[in-house]
Protein backbone atom coordinates (compact mmCIF):
# COMPACT_ATOMS: atom_id res chain seq x y z
CA UNK A 1 40.37 40.53 -42.33
CA UNK A 2 37.77 38.13 -43.72
CA UNK A 3 34.34 37.20 -42.47
CA UNK A 4 31.79 34.58 -43.47
CA UNK A 5 28.68 35.97 -45.20
CA UNK A 6 26.03 33.66 -46.64
CA UNK A 7 28.56 30.86 -46.83
CA UNK A 8 31.26 32.94 -48.57
CA UNK A 9 34.41 34.61 -47.28
CA UNK A 10 34.26 38.36 -47.88
CA UNK A 11 36.51 41.21 -46.77
CA UNK A 12 35.70 42.72 -43.39
CA UNK A 13 35.24 46.46 -43.98
CA UNK A 14 35.21 48.92 -41.07
CA UNK A 15 32.39 51.49 -40.95
CA UNK A 16 33.23 54.55 -43.07
CA UNK A 17 31.20 57.04 -41.08
CA UNK A 18 33.38 57.10 -37.98
CA UNK A 19 34.48 60.72 -37.31
CA UNK A 20 37.56 59.47 -35.48
CA UNK A 21 38.80 57.92 -38.73
CA UNK A 22 38.41 61.31 -40.41
CA UNK A 23 40.34 62.96 -37.55
CA UNK A 24 43.15 60.49 -38.12
CA UNK A 25 43.03 61.19 -41.86
CA UNK A 26 43.13 64.94 -41.23
CA UNK A 27 46.11 64.59 -38.88
CA UNK A 28 47.95 62.46 -41.44
CA UNK A 29 47.29 65.00 -44.21
CA UNK A 30 48.41 67.87 -41.96
CA UNK A 31 51.68 66.10 -41.14
CA UNK A 32 52.17 65.37 -44.83
CA UNK A 33 51.71 69.05 -45.73
CA UNK A 34 54.18 70.03 -42.99
CA UNK A 35 56.73 67.55 -44.32
CA UNK A 36 56.27 68.62 -47.94
CA UNK A 37 56.47 72.30 -46.98
CA UNK A 38 59.65 71.78 -44.98
CA UNK A 39 61.30 69.78 -47.77
CA UNK A 40 60.25 72.41 -50.32
CA UNK A 41 61.74 75.29 -48.33
CA UNK A 42 64.92 73.29 -47.77
CA UNK A 43 65.19 72.89 -51.55
CA UNK A 44 64.67 76.64 -51.92
CA UNK A 45 67.69 77.37 -49.74
CA UNK A 46 66.45 77.70 -46.14
CA UNK A 47 68.16 75.92 -43.26
CA UNK A 48 66.13 73.21 -41.44
CA UNK A 49 64.86 75.39 -38.56
CA UNK A 50 63.88 78.25 -40.87
CA UNK A 51 62.19 75.76 -43.24
CA UNK A 52 60.00 74.35 -40.43
CA UNK A 53 59.30 77.87 -39.09
CA UNK A 54 58.26 79.16 -42.53
CA UNK A 55 56.01 76.11 -43.11
CA UNK A 56 54.21 76.44 -39.78
CA UNK A 57 53.66 80.19 -40.07
CA UNK A 58 52.42 79.77 -43.64
CA UNK A 59 49.94 76.99 -42.91
CA UNK A 60 48.66 78.70 -39.75
CA UNK A 61 48.25 81.96 -41.73
CA UNK A 62 50.19 83.82 -39.00
CA UNK A 63 52.95 84.89 -41.40
CA UNK A 64 55.22 86.92 -39.12
CA UNK A 65 57.85 87.36 -41.81
CA UNK A 66 59.19 85.71 -44.92
CA UNK A 67 62.64 84.25 -45.19
CA UNK A 68 64.68 85.32 -47.04
CA UNK A 69 63.93 89.05 -46.92
CA UNK A 70 63.72 89.17 -50.73
CA UNK A 71 61.93 85.96 -51.76
CA UNK A 72 62.42 84.70 -55.28
CA UNK A 73 59.48 84.07 -57.65
CA UNK A 74 59.80 80.32 -57.04
CA UNK A 75 59.72 80.92 -53.28
CA UNK A 76 56.54 83.00 -53.59
CA UNK A 77 54.79 80.50 -55.90
CA UNK A 78 55.61 77.62 -53.53
CA UNK A 79 54.36 79.65 -50.55
CA UNK A 80 51.06 80.45 -52.26
CA UNK A 81 50.53 76.78 -53.14
CA UNK A 82 51.35 75.79 -49.57
CA UNK A 83 48.86 78.32 -48.19
CA UNK A 84 46.03 77.05 -50.41
CA UNK A 85 46.76 73.40 -49.57
CA UNK A 86 47.78 73.76 -45.93
CA UNK A 87 44.96 76.04 -44.82
CA UNK A 88 42.40 73.71 -46.40
CA UNK A 89 43.86 70.68 -44.65
CA UNK A 90 44.09 72.53 -41.32
CA UNK A 91 40.45 73.64 -41.53
CA UNK A 92 39.34 70.12 -42.47
CA UNK A 93 41.20 68.62 -39.49
CA UNK A 94 39.76 71.21 -37.11
CA UNK A 95 36.24 70.61 -38.46
CA UNK A 96 36.30 66.82 -38.10
CA UNK A 97 37.90 67.10 -34.65
CA UNK A 98 35.08 69.42 -33.56
CA UNK A 99 32.53 67.02 -35.06
CA UNK A 100 34.04 64.09 -33.15
CA UNK A 101 33.97 66.04 -29.88
CA UNK A 102 30.41 67.31 -30.42
CA UNK A 103 29.09 63.84 -31.26
CA UNK A 104 30.79 62.40 -28.23
CA UNK A 105 32.86 60.03 -30.32
CA UNK A 106 36.14 61.26 -28.86
CA UNK A 107 35.07 60.56 -25.27
CA UNK A 108 33.63 57.24 -26.46
CA UNK A 109 36.98 56.43 -28.02
CA UNK A 110 38.81 57.23 -24.78
CA UNK A 111 36.35 55.07 -22.82
CA UNK A 112 36.82 52.25 -25.32
CA UNK A 113 40.61 52.43 -24.86
CA UNK A 114 40.22 52.22 -21.08
CA UNK A 115 37.92 49.22 -21.44
CA UNK A 116 40.38 47.57 -23.80
CA UNK A 117 43.16 47.97 -21.23
CA UNK A 118 40.92 46.25 -18.68
CA UNK A 119 40.22 43.40 -21.10
CA UNK A 120 43.94 43.04 -21.84
CA UNK A 121 44.53 42.33 -18.15
CA UNK A 122 41.88 39.60 -17.91
CA UNK A 123 42.57 35.88 -17.69
CA UNK A 124 40.24 32.91 -17.31
CA UNK A 125 37.19 34.89 -18.47
CA UNK A 126 34.32 33.99 -20.81
CA UNK A 127 34.15 35.38 -24.35
CA UNK A 128 30.53 35.62 -25.50
CA UNK A 129 29.89 36.20 -29.20
CA UNK A 130 26.48 37.70 -29.97
CA UNK A 131 24.17 40.07 -28.10
CA UNK A 132 20.78 38.93 -29.26
CA UNK A 133 18.03 37.55 -27.01
CA UNK A 134 20.00 34.35 -26.40
CA UNK A 135 23.25 36.23 -25.81
CA UNK A 136 21.64 38.58 -23.30
CA UNK A 137 20.18 35.65 -21.36
CA UNK A 138 23.56 33.89 -21.32
CA UNK A 139 25.25 37.06 -20.13
CA UNK A 140 22.74 37.54 -17.33
CA UNK A 141 23.23 34.00 -16.01
CA UNK A 142 27.02 34.08 -16.32
CA UNK A 143 27.45 37.40 -14.54
CA UNK A 144 24.94 36.25 -11.91
CA UNK A 145 27.20 33.27 -11.30
CA UNK A 146 30.18 35.59 -10.77
CA UNK A 147 31.83 35.04 -14.15
CA UNK A 148 33.71 37.82 -15.96
CA UNK A 149 32.29 38.10 -19.48
CA UNK A 150 33.58 39.94 -22.56
CA UNK A 151 30.89 40.34 -25.21
CA UNK A 152 31.74 40.51 -28.92
CA UNK A 153 28.99 42.26 -30.90
CA UNK A 154 29.19 43.59 -34.45
CA UNK A 155 26.24 46.02 -34.22
CA UNK A 156 27.29 49.25 -32.43
CA UNK A 157 23.66 50.00 -31.48
CA UNK A 158 23.27 46.63 -29.78
CA UNK A 159 26.73 46.96 -28.22
CA UNK A 160 25.74 50.25 -26.57
CA UNK A 161 23.21 48.33 -24.42
CA UNK A 162 25.68 45.83 -22.98
CA UNK A 163 26.75 47.91 -19.99
CA UNK A 164 29.83 45.77 -19.37
CA UNK A 165 33.05 44.66 -20.99
CA UNK A 166 32.65 44.40 -24.74
CA UNK A 167 34.42 44.55 -28.09
CA UNK A 168 32.63 46.03 -31.08
CA UNK A 169 33.38 44.01 -34.19
CA UNK A 170 32.75 40.86 -36.19
CA UNK A 171 33.47 37.69 -34.22
CA UNK A 172 34.73 36.04 -37.42
CA UNK A 173 37.59 38.55 -37.50
CA UNK A 174 40.68 37.18 -35.73
CA UNK A 175 41.78 40.69 -34.68
CA UNK A 176 38.45 41.25 -32.92
CA UNK A 177 38.75 37.97 -31.04
CA UNK A 178 42.30 38.85 -30.05
CA UNK A 179 41.01 42.12 -28.63
CA UNK A 180 38.45 40.11 -26.62
CA UNK A 181 41.31 38.15 -25.02
CA UNK A 182 40.61 34.81 -26.66
CA UNK A 183 44.21 33.71 -25.99
CA UNK A 184 43.67 34.03 -22.21
CA UNK A 185 39.98 33.07 -21.95
CA UNK A 186 38.76 29.92 -20.22
CA UNK A 187 35.53 29.54 -22.21
CA UNK A 188 34.13 30.68 -25.55
CA UNK A 189 30.38 30.86 -26.13
CA UNK A 190 29.29 31.42 -29.74
CA UNK A 191 25.68 32.65 -29.75
CA UNK A 192 25.53 34.43 -33.10
CA UNK A 193 22.30 34.08 -35.10
CA UNK A 194 24.02 32.42 -38.06
CA UNK A 195 25.14 28.79 -37.84
CA UNK A 196 27.77 29.55 -40.49
CA UNK A 197 29.29 32.32 -38.35
CA UNK A 198 29.20 30.11 -35.24
CA UNK A 199 30.94 27.37 -37.22
CA UNK A 200 33.62 29.76 -38.50
CA UNK A 201 34.28 31.24 -35.04
CA UNK A 202 34.45 27.78 -33.46
CA UNK A 203 36.83 26.47 -36.11
CA UNK A 204 39.11 29.50 -35.83
CA UNK A 205 39.11 29.48 -32.01
CA UNK A 206 39.86 25.74 -31.85
CA UNK A 207 42.79 26.21 -34.19
CA UNK A 208 44.20 28.98 -31.97
CA UNK A 209 43.37 27.38 -28.61
CA UNK A 210 43.22 23.57 -28.56
CA UNK A 211 42.58 23.70 -24.80
CA UNK A 212 39.72 26.22 -24.94
CA UNK A 213 36.27 25.04 -23.78
CA UNK A 214 33.77 26.02 -26.51
CA UNK A 215 29.98 26.07 -26.28
CA UNK A 216 28.20 26.77 -29.57
CA UNK A 217 24.64 27.70 -30.36
CA UNK A 218 22.97 25.96 -33.31
CA UNK A 219 19.69 26.81 -35.03
CA UNK A 220 19.46 23.91 -37.49
CA UNK A 221 19.81 20.43 -35.99
CA UNK A 222 21.56 19.28 -39.18
CA UNK A 223 24.51 21.56 -38.34
CA UNK A 224 25.10 20.14 -34.86
CA UNK A 225 27.52 17.48 -36.09
CA UNK A 226 29.42 20.07 -38.13
CA UNK A 227 29.93 22.27 -35.08
CA UNK A 228 31.19 19.32 -33.04
CA UNK A 229 33.55 18.41 -35.86
CA UNK A 230 34.76 22.03 -35.98
CA UNK A 231 35.78 21.76 -32.32
CA UNK A 232 32.78 22.66 -30.16
CA UNK A 233 32.79 20.83 -26.81
CA UNK A 234 29.05 21.38 -26.37
CA UNK A 235 26.38 22.32 -28.92
CA UNK A 236 23.06 23.80 -27.75
CA UNK A 237 19.85 24.27 -29.69
CA UNK A 238 17.76 26.90 -27.82
CA UNK A 239 14.58 25.97 -29.74
CA UNK A 240 14.95 22.32 -28.81
CA UNK A 241 15.58 23.16 -25.15
CA UNK A 242 12.61 25.54 -25.15
CA UNK A 243 10.40 22.83 -26.61
CA UNK A 244 11.54 20.30 -24.02
CA UNK A 245 10.90 22.82 -21.25
CA UNK A 246 7.37 23.56 -22.44
CA UNK A 247 6.64 19.84 -22.78
CA UNK A 248 7.96 19.20 -19.24
CA UNK A 249 5.73 21.95 -17.83
CA UNK A 250 2.74 20.55 -19.66
CA UNK A 251 3.28 16.98 -18.43
CA UNK A 252 4.94 17.39 -15.01
CA UNK A 253 5.01 21.05 -13.95
CA UNK A 254 5.93 20.31 -10.32
CA UNK A 255 8.97 18.27 -11.35
CA UNK A 256 10.08 20.97 -13.80
CA UNK A 257 9.74 23.66 -11.13
CA UNK A 258 11.71 21.52 -8.68
CA UNK A 259 14.53 21.06 -11.20
CA UNK A 260 14.57 24.83 -11.76
CA UNK A 261 15.07 25.40 -8.07
CA UNK A 262 17.88 22.84 -7.95
CA UNK A 263 19.66 24.05 -11.10
CA UNK A 264 19.22 27.84 -10.91
CA UNK A 265 19.55 30.22 -7.97
CA UNK A 266 16.87 32.41 -9.56
């Protein structure tokens, strides 16, 4: 996928340090060695069952017996090569699997799958992009009002503090937004720090869902018109609202407090 970075489209690259990815790689390599070993023994004259049996016992270093009883030089050379390759791959797979379990990534992965199944069943929810100070405040008010919210956050460390439904990934990636249930959501709130990212997410979401209600955050007032043109139904500048709020408290604090009581349960 692509994402917008400093005004340019760049490839979206998944983190390389995920142990689960290495477990998947190890499993793929192990299956490849099993397939190559089986094909090799078939070429050397074994029947299919004996070829699989010989491959498994060789890679696992069990080695009950060799078939045929008098192996040829080619058979022995192939078996030695398979032992060196297969044992290394098996040890690598076992090591990364243990690492994933020890680091808790495997249980985290299982929990993530369960959460994704819950998200897949949602309809009429709010997709919130961004878990900064503004995003956290939005989330608190929405959940307080009884809304179901799915947060999209690219930083795994920030995502760990959400404590609710979330998708870890870049909101500019269409696959990530699909995982968040954008096709079934009622509202999209883009509260990412970058106006460019908010613009990209808004444009992409409007193209996919013409009926979706979109609220976008903007930092620079000059970009407000661009977000509206991209498809945002409402554009909010937190700094401008904060300034208006401070000015209202300075001039007419009682009126501002009264409006707070009327507008917010808190």
